[in-house]
């Protein structure tokens, strides 16, 4: 039960943060990405704050063997940048630039009843299914 409560609280805080920062508003995101037009730099501060929080959190996590909930720590071990990472990053960025949503804000906007978010989430789920289908047919390395 405490794990479900922790997951719920984390999701709630994350969702509220997305709403308060404007990240769940695709027009605000697209204004940030429009460097040639009326650029809105406010999301740069949101991203900077997220990076600072992440640096502190990962710094603390590296010193621990168990999470605060008692699970084994499972931090990324690879620092390799390969074609798959670059391709996925490119696809993510293009999708974010077209839709104004990325997965977290898309789900928050869907929960708020945003119709554009429903289209985005459907496309995101289709993309995830296609990825899984391709990965299952990919020869193991």
N, C-alpha and C. Protein backbone atom coordinates (compact mmCIF):
# COMPACT_ATOMS: atom_id res chain seq x y z
N UNK A 1 0.82 -1.20 0.00
CA UNK A 1 0.00 0.00 0.00
C UNK A 1 0.86 1.26 0.00
N UNK A 2 1.97 1.22 0.78
CA UNK A 2 2.79 2.43 0.83
C UNK A 2 3.45 2.71 -0.51
N UNK A 3 3.69 1.66 -1.32
CA UNK A 3 4.28 1.85 -2.64
C UNK A 3 3.28 2.52 -3.57
N UNK A 4 2.03 2.09 -3.50
CA UNK A 4 0.98 2.70 -4.32
C UNK A 4 0.78 4.16 -3.92
N UNK A 5 0.82 4.44 -2.65
CA UNK A 5 0.67 5.82 -2.17
C UNK A 5 1.85 6.68 -2.61
N UNK A 6 3.05 6.12 -2.56
CA UNK A 6 4.23 6.86 -3.01
C UNK A 6 4.17 7.13 -4.51
N UNK A 7 3.72 6.13 -5.28
CA UNK A 7 3.58 6.31 -6.73
C UNK A 7 2.53 7.36 -7.04
N UNK A 8 1.41 7.30 -6.33
CA UNK A 8 0.34 8.29 -6.54
C UNK A 8 0.83 9.69 -6.20
N UNK A 9 1.50 9.85 -5.06
CA UNK A 9 1.99 11.16 -4.64
C UNK A 9 3.03 11.71 -5.63
N UNK A 10 3.91 10.84 -6.10
CA UNK A 10 4.92 11.26 -7.09
C UNK A 10 4.26 11.73 -8.38
N UNK A 11 3.30 10.96 -8.86
CA UNK A 11 2.59 11.33 -10.08
C UNK A 11 1.81 12.62 -9.92
N UNK A 12 1.18 12.79 -8.77
CA UNK A 12 0.41 14.00 -8.51
C UNK A 12 1.31 15.23 -8.47
N UNK A 13 2.43 15.13 -7.79
CA UNK A 13 3.38 16.25 -7.72
C UNK A 13 3.94 16.55 -9.11
N UNK A 14 4.28 15.51 -9.87
CA UNK A 14 4.80 15.69 -11.22
C UNK A 14 3.75 16.38 -12.10
N UNK A 15 2.52 15.89 -12.06
CA UNK A 15 1.45 16.48 -12.87
C UNK A 15 1.17 17.92 -12.51
N UNK A 16 1.12 18.21 -11.22
CA UNK A 16 0.89 19.60 -10.78
C UNK A 16 2.04 20.50 -11.23
N UNK A 17 3.26 19.98 -11.15
CA UNK A 17 4.41 20.75 -11.61
C UNK A 17 4.34 21.05 -13.10
N UNK A 18 3.89 20.07 -13.89
CA UNK A 18 3.73 20.29 -15.33
C UNK A 18 2.67 21.34 -15.61
N UNK A 19 1.58 21.30 -14.88
CA UNK A 19 0.51 22.28 -15.08
C UNK A 19 0.99 23.68 -14.68
N UNK A 20 1.59 23.79 -13.49
CA UNK A 20 2.05 25.10 -13.01
C UNK A 20 3.14 25.71 -13.89
N UNK A 21 3.99 24.87 -14.46
CA UNK A 21 5.09 25.37 -15.28
C UNK A 21 4.65 25.70 -16.71
N UNK A 22 3.48 25.26 -17.11
CA UNK A 22 3.01 25.48 -18.46
C UNK A 22 3.40 24.39 -19.44
N UNK A 23 4.08 23.35 -18.96
CA UNK A 23 4.53 22.28 -19.85
C UNK A 23 3.38 21.46 -20.42
N UNK A 24 2.21 21.50 -19.80
CA UNK A 24 1.06 20.75 -20.31
C UNK A 24 0.27 21.57 -21.34
N UNK A 25 0.73 22.78 -21.62
CA UNK A 25 0.09 23.65 -22.60
C UNK A 25 0.92 23.62 -23.89
N UNK A 26 0.41 22.97 -24.95
CA UNK A 26 1.23 22.85 -26.16
C UNK A 26 1.58 24.19 -26.80
N UNK A 27 0.72 25.20 -26.67
CA UNK A 27 1.02 26.51 -27.24
C UNK A 27 2.24 27.13 -26.56
N UNK A 28 2.35 26.95 -25.25
CA UNK A 28 3.49 27.49 -24.50
C UNK A 28 4.77 26.77 -24.93
N UNK A 29 4.69 25.46 -25.08
CA UNK A 29 5.86 24.67 -25.50
C UNK A 29 6.28 25.07 -26.91
N UNK A 30 5.31 25.18 -27.82
CA UNK A 30 5.64 25.56 -29.19
C UNK A 30 6.21 26.98 -29.25
N UNK A 31 5.74 27.87 -28.36
CA UNK A 31 6.32 29.21 -28.27
C UNK A 31 7.78 29.16 -27.83
N UNK A 32 8.11 28.22 -26.97
CA UNK A 32 9.50 28.05 -26.54
C UNK A 32 10.35 27.51 -27.69
N UNK A 33 9.80 26.61 -28.48
CA UNK A 33 10.55 26.00 -29.57
C UNK A 33 10.65 26.90 -30.81
N UNK A 34 9.84 27.94 -30.88
CA UNK A 34 9.83 28.83 -32.05
C UNK A 34 10.90 29.91 -31.90
N UNK A 35 12.13 29.55 -32.21
CA UNK A 35 13.24 30.49 -32.05
C UNK A 35 13.20 31.63 -33.06
N UNK A 36 12.57 31.41 -34.22
CA UNK A 36 12.53 32.45 -35.25
C UNK A 36 11.33 33.38 -35.09
N UNK A 37 10.38 33.03 -34.25
CA UNK A 37 9.17 33.84 -34.09
C UNK A 37 9.17 34.56 -32.75
N UNK A 38 8.02 34.55 -32.10
CA UNK A 38 7.88 35.17 -30.78
C UNK A 38 8.32 34.16 -29.71
N UNK A 39 9.61 34.08 -29.53
CA UNK A 39 10.19 33.07 -28.63
C UNK A 39 9.80 33.35 -27.19
N UNK A 40 9.37 32.30 -26.48
CA UNK A 40 9.02 32.38 -25.06
C UNK A 40 10.07 31.60 -24.28
N UNK A 41 11.02 32.29 -23.63
CA UNK A 41 12.12 31.60 -22.96
C UNK A 41 11.77 31.02 -21.58
N UNK A 42 10.53 31.20 -21.13
CA UNK A 42 10.20 30.80 -19.75
C UNK A 42 10.43 29.32 -19.47
N UNK A 43 10.24 28.45 -20.45
CA UNK A 43 10.43 27.03 -20.21
C UNK A 43 11.90 26.66 -20.03
N UNK A 44 12.80 27.53 -20.47
CA UNK A 44 14.22 27.29 -20.23
C UNK A 44 14.49 27.26 -18.72
N UNK A 45 13.80 28.10 -17.98
CA UNK A 45 13.95 28.10 -16.52
C UNK A 45 13.38 26.83 -15.90
N UNK A 46 12.27 26.35 -16.46
CA UNK A 46 11.68 25.10 -15.99
C UNK A 46 12.67 23.95 -16.22
N UNK A 47 13.24 23.90 -17.42
CA UNK A 47 14.20 22.84 -17.73
C UNK A 47 15.45 22.96 -16.88
N UNK A 48 15.93 24.18 -16.68
CA UNK A 48 17.10 24.39 -15.82
C UNK A 48 16.84 23.91 -14.41
N UNK A 49 15.66 24.23 -13.88
CA UNK A 49 15.29 23.75 -12.54
C UNK A 49 15.21 22.24 -12.47
N UNK A 50 14.66 21.63 -13.52
CA UNK A 50 14.56 20.16 -13.57
C UNK A 50 15.95 19.53 -13.60
N UNK A 51 16.85 20.13 -14.35
CA UNK A 51 18.22 19.61 -14.42
C UNK A 51 18.89 19.70 -13.06
N UNK A 52 18.73 20.82 -12.37
CA UNK A 52 19.33 20.97 -11.03
C UNK A 52 18.77 19.93 -10.06
N UNK A 53 17.46 19.75 -10.06
CA UNK A 53 16.84 18.75 -9.18
C UNK A 53 17.37 17.36 -9.53
N UNK A 54 17.47 17.06 -10.83
CA UNK A 54 17.98 15.76 -11.27
C UNK A 54 19.42 15.52 -10.85
N UNK A 55 20.25 16.56 -10.97
CA UNK A 55 21.65 16.42 -10.56
C UNK A 55 21.76 16.09 -9.08
N UNK A 56 21.00 16.78 -8.26
CA UNK A 56 21.02 16.52 -6.81
C UNK A 56 20.48 15.12 -6.53
N UNK A 57 19.36 14.77 -7.15
CA UNK A 57 18.75 13.46 -6.90
C UNK A 57 19.66 12.32 -7.31
N UNK A 58 20.27 12.41 -8.50
CA UNK A 58 21.16 11.35 -8.95
C UNK A 58 22.44 11.31 -8.12
N UNK A 59 22.89 12.48 -7.66
CA UNK A 59 24.06 12.50 -6.77
C UNK A 59 23.79 11.76 -5.47
N UNK A 60 22.60 11.98 -4.91
CA UNK A 60 22.22 11.26 -3.69
C UNK A 60 22.00 9.77 -3.97
N UNK A 61 21.37 9.48 -5.09
CA UNK A 61 21.07 8.08 -5.43
C UNK A 61 22.33 7.24 -5.61
N UNK A 62 23.38 7.85 -6.17
CA UNK A 62 24.63 7.09 -6.39
C UNK A 62 25.26 6.64 -5.08
N UNK A 63 24.94 7.32 -4.00
CA UNK A 63 25.53 6.99 -2.70
C UNK A 63 24.72 5.94 -1.95
N UNK A 64 23.58 5.54 -2.51
CA UNK A 64 22.68 4.61 -1.81
C UNK A 64 22.67 3.26 -2.50
N UNK A 65 22.37 2.23 -1.73
CA UNK A 65 22.17 0.90 -2.32
C UNK A 65 20.69 0.55 -2.37
N UNK A 66 19.88 1.20 -1.53
CA UNK A 66 18.43 0.99 -1.52
C UNK A 66 17.71 2.33 -1.68
N UNK A 67 16.55 2.27 -2.34
CA UNK A 67 15.73 3.47 -2.48
C UNK A 67 15.08 3.79 -1.13
N UNK A 68 14.42 4.93 -1.06
CA UNK A 68 13.73 5.31 0.18
C UNK A 68 12.60 4.34 0.52
N UNK A 69 12.10 3.61 -0.49
CA UNK A 69 11.04 2.64 -0.27
C UNK A 69 11.58 1.23 -0.06
N UNK A 70 12.91 1.07 -0.05
CA UNK A 70 13.51 -0.22 0.24
C UNK A 70 13.85 -1.07 -0.96
N UNK A 71 13.69 -0.55 -2.18
CA UNK A 71 14.03 -1.31 -3.38
C UNK A 71 15.50 -1.14 -3.72
N UNK A 72 16.07 -2.13 -4.45
CA UNK A 72 17.44 -1.99 -4.93
C UNK A 72 17.50 -0.80 -5.89
N UNK A 73 18.60 -0.05 -5.82
CA UNK A 73 18.80 1.07 -6.73
C UNK A 73 19.19 0.52 -8.10
N UNK A 74 18.54 0.98 -9.13
CA UNK A 74 18.83 0.54 -10.50
C UNK A 74 19.08 1.78 -11.34
N UNK A 75 20.30 2.25 -11.30
CA UNK A 75 20.69 3.43 -12.06
C UNK A 75 21.26 3.03 -13.40
N UNK A 76 21.17 3.91 -14.39
CA UNK A 76 21.77 3.59 -15.70
C UNK A 76 23.26 3.33 -15.56
N UNK A 77 23.74 2.35 -16.31
CA UNK A 77 25.17 2.02 -16.25
C UNK A 77 25.90 2.39 -17.54
N UNK A 78 25.18 2.53 -18.63
CA UNK A 78 25.81 2.84 -19.91
C UNK A 78 25.90 4.34 -20.12
N UNK A 79 27.01 4.78 -20.66
CA UNK A 79 27.15 6.19 -21.04
C UNK A 79 27.44 6.29 -22.54
N UNK A 80 27.19 5.19 -23.25
CA UNK A 80 27.47 5.13 -24.69
C UNK A 80 26.40 5.88 -25.48
N UNK A 81 26.83 6.68 -26.43
CA UNK A 81 25.92 7.37 -27.34
C UNK A 81 26.04 6.67 -28.69
N UNK A 82 24.95 6.03 -29.11
CA UNK A 82 24.98 5.28 -30.37
C UNK A 82 23.88 5.78 -31.32
N UNK A 83 23.77 5.13 -32.47
CA UNK A 83 22.79 5.53 -33.48
C UNK A 83 21.36 5.42 -32.97
N UNK A 84 21.09 4.38 -32.21
CA UNK A 84 19.72 4.20 -31.70
C UNK A 84 19.34 5.32 -30.74
N UNK A 85 20.25 5.72 -29.87
CA UNK A 85 19.98 6.82 -28.94
C UNK A 85 19.77 8.12 -29.71
N UNK A 86 20.65 8.38 -30.68
CA UNK A 86 20.53 9.60 -31.47
C UNK A 86 19.24 9.60 -32.29
N UNK A 87 18.90 8.48 -32.89
CA UNK A 87 17.67 8.39 -33.68
C UNK A 87 16.43 8.58 -32.82
N UNK A 88 16.42 7.94 -31.66
CA UNK A 88 15.29 8.10 -30.74
C UNK A 88 15.16 9.52 -30.24
N UNK A 89 16.29 10.16 -29.96
CA UNK A 89 16.27 11.56 -29.52
C UNK A 89 15.73 12.46 -30.61
N UNK A 90 16.15 12.19 -31.83
CA UNK A 90 15.68 12.97 -32.97
C UNK A 90 14.17 12.81 -33.15
N UNK A 91 13.69 11.58 -33.10
CA UNK A 91 12.24 11.34 -33.22
C UNK A 91 11.47 12.01 -32.10
N UNK A 92 12.00 11.93 -30.88
CA UNK A 92 11.35 12.57 -29.73
C UNK A 92 11.25 14.08 -29.96
N UNK A 93 12.35 14.70 -30.37
CA UNK A 93 12.37 16.14 -30.58
C UNK A 93 11.45 16.59 -31.69
N UNK A 94 11.42 15.83 -32.79
CA UNK A 94 10.52 16.18 -33.89
C UNK A 94 9.07 16.06 -33.45
N UNK A 95 8.75 14.99 -32.74
CA UNK A 95 7.38 14.82 -32.24
C UNK A 95 6.99 15.91 -31.27
N UNK A 96 7.90 16.29 -30.40
CA UNK A 96 7.64 17.36 -29.43
C UNK A 96 7.41 18.68 -30.18
N UNK A 97 8.22 18.94 -31.20
CA UNK A 97 8.09 20.16 -31.97
C UNK A 97 6.82 20.23 -32.79
N UNK A 98 6.35 19.10 -33.27
CA UNK A 98 5.12 19.08 -34.07
C UNK A 98 3.89 19.20 -33.16
N UNK A 99 3.86 18.41 -32.10
CA UNK A 99 2.67 18.32 -31.26
C UNK A 99 2.66 19.31 -30.10
N UNK A 100 3.83 19.69 -29.61
CA UNK A 100 3.88 20.53 -28.43
C UNK A 100 3.73 19.73 -27.14
N UNK A 101 3.70 18.41 -27.27
CA UNK A 101 3.58 17.51 -26.11
C UNK A 101 4.74 16.54 -26.11
N UNK A 102 5.15 16.12 -24.92
CA UNK A 102 5.96 14.93 -24.76
C UNK A 102 5.14 14.03 -23.83
N UNK A 103 5.57 12.81 -23.54
CA UNK A 103 4.68 11.86 -22.86
C UNK A 103 4.05 12.35 -21.56
N UNK A 104 4.83 12.85 -20.62
CA UNK A 104 4.25 13.28 -19.34
C UNK A 104 3.20 14.37 -19.50
N UNK A 105 3.56 15.49 -20.11
CA UNK A 105 2.56 16.54 -20.32
C UNK A 105 1.38 16.09 -21.19
N UNK A 106 1.62 15.19 -22.12
CA UNK A 106 0.52 14.68 -22.94
C UNK A 106 -0.51 13.96 -22.09
N UNK A 107 -0.03 13.14 -21.16
CA UNK A 107 -0.96 12.42 -20.27
C UNK A 107 -1.68 13.37 -19.32
N UNK A 108 -0.96 14.38 -18.82
CA UNK A 108 -1.59 15.37 -17.94
C UNK A 108 -2.67 16.13 -18.70
N UNK A 109 -2.36 16.56 -19.92
CA UNK A 109 -3.35 17.29 -20.73
C UNK A 109 -4.54 16.39 -21.08
N UNK A 110 -4.28 15.11 -21.33
CA UNK A 110 -5.38 14.17 -21.59
C UNK A 110 -6.29 14.09 -20.37
N UNK A 111 -5.69 14.00 -19.20
CA UNK A 111 -6.48 13.96 -17.97
C UNK A 111 -7.27 15.24 -17.74
N UNK A 112 -6.79 16.34 -18.28
CA UNK A 112 -7.50 17.62 -18.16
C UNK A 112 -8.55 17.80 -19.25
N UNK A 113 -8.68 16.79 -20.14
CA UNK A 113 -9.71 16.84 -21.17
C UNK A 113 -9.30 17.52 -22.46
N UNK A 114 -8.03 17.74 -22.68
CA UNK A 114 -7.53 18.38 -23.90
C UNK A 114 -7.66 17.41 -25.07
N UNK A 115 -8.44 17.77 -26.09
CA UNK A 115 -8.68 16.87 -27.23
C UNK A 115 -7.40 16.61 -28.02
N UNK A 116 -6.55 17.62 -28.20
CA UNK A 116 -5.30 17.42 -28.93
C UNK A 116 -4.44 16.37 -28.24
N UNK A 117 -4.52 16.33 -26.92
CA UNK A 117 -3.74 15.36 -26.16
C UNK A 117 -4.21 13.94 -26.43
N UNK A 118 -5.50 13.76 -26.67
CA UNK A 118 -6.02 12.42 -26.97
C UNK A 118 -5.40 11.89 -28.27
N UNK A 119 -5.27 12.76 -29.26
CA UNK A 119 -4.65 12.36 -30.52
C UNK A 119 -3.18 12.04 -30.28
N UNK A 120 -2.50 12.89 -29.51
CA UNK A 120 -1.09 12.67 -29.22
C UNK A 120 -0.88 11.35 -28.49
N UNK A 121 -1.66 11.09 -27.44
CA UNK A 121 -1.50 9.87 -26.65
C UNK A 121 -1.79 8.64 -27.50
N UNK A 122 -2.80 8.71 -28.36
CA UNK A 122 -3.09 7.58 -29.25
C UNK A 122 -1.90 7.31 -30.17
N UNK A 123 -1.33 8.39 -30.74
CA UNK A 123 -0.16 8.23 -31.62
C UNK A 123 1.04 7.70 -30.83
N UNK A 124 1.21 8.18 -29.60
CA UNK A 124 2.32 7.72 -28.76
C UNK A 124 2.18 6.22 -28.47
N UNK A 125 0.99 5.79 -28.12
CA UNK A 125 0.77 4.37 -27.84
C UNK A 125 0.98 3.52 -29.10
N UNK A 126 0.55 4.02 -30.24
CA UNK A 126 0.79 3.30 -31.50
C UNK A 126 2.28 3.20 -31.77
N UNK A 127 3.01 4.28 -31.55
CA UNK A 127 4.46 4.25 -31.73
C UNK A 127 5.14 3.27 -30.80
N UNK A 128 4.67 3.20 -29.56
CA UNK A 128 5.24 2.25 -28.60
C UNK A 128 4.97 0.81 -29.05
N UNK A 129 3.76 0.57 -29.57
CA UNK A 129 3.42 -0.78 -30.04
C UNK A 129 4.27 -1.15 -31.26
N UNK A 130 4.47 -0.21 -32.16
CA UNK A 130 5.31 -0.47 -33.34
C UNK A 130 6.73 -0.76 -32.91
N UNK A 131 7.25 0.00 -31.96
CA UNK A 131 8.60 -0.23 -31.46
C UNK A 131 8.73 -1.64 -30.89
N UNK A 132 7.79 -2.04 -30.06
CA UNK A 132 7.82 -3.39 -29.46
C UNK A 132 7.76 -4.46 -30.55
N UNK A 133 6.92 -4.25 -31.56
CA UNK A 133 6.80 -5.21 -32.65
C UNK A 133 8.13 -5.34 -33.39
N UNK A 134 8.79 -4.21 -33.67
CA UNK A 134 10.09 -4.23 -34.36
C UNK A 134 11.15 -4.89 -33.49
N UNK A 135 11.17 -4.57 -32.20
CA UNK A 135 12.19 -5.13 -31.29
C UNK A 135 12.07 -6.64 -31.17
N UNK A 136 10.86 -7.17 -31.19
CA UNK A 136 10.68 -8.62 -31.09
C UNK A 136 11.21 -9.35 -32.31
N UNK A 137 11.23 -8.66 -33.45
CA UNK A 137 11.69 -9.27 -34.71
C UNK A 137 13.16 -8.98 -34.98
N UNK A 138 13.75 -8.17 -34.16
CA UNK A 138 15.17 -7.79 -34.33
C UNK A 138 16.06 -8.91 -33.84
N UNK A 139 17.08 -9.27 -34.62
CA UNK A 139 18.00 -10.32 -34.15
C UNK A 139 18.75 -9.88 -32.89
N UNK A 140 18.92 -10.79 -31.95
CA UNK A 140 19.65 -10.46 -30.71
C UNK A 140 21.13 -10.22 -31.03
N UNK A 141 21.69 -9.28 -30.25
CA UNK A 141 23.12 -8.99 -30.45
C UNK A 141 23.92 -9.39 -29.25
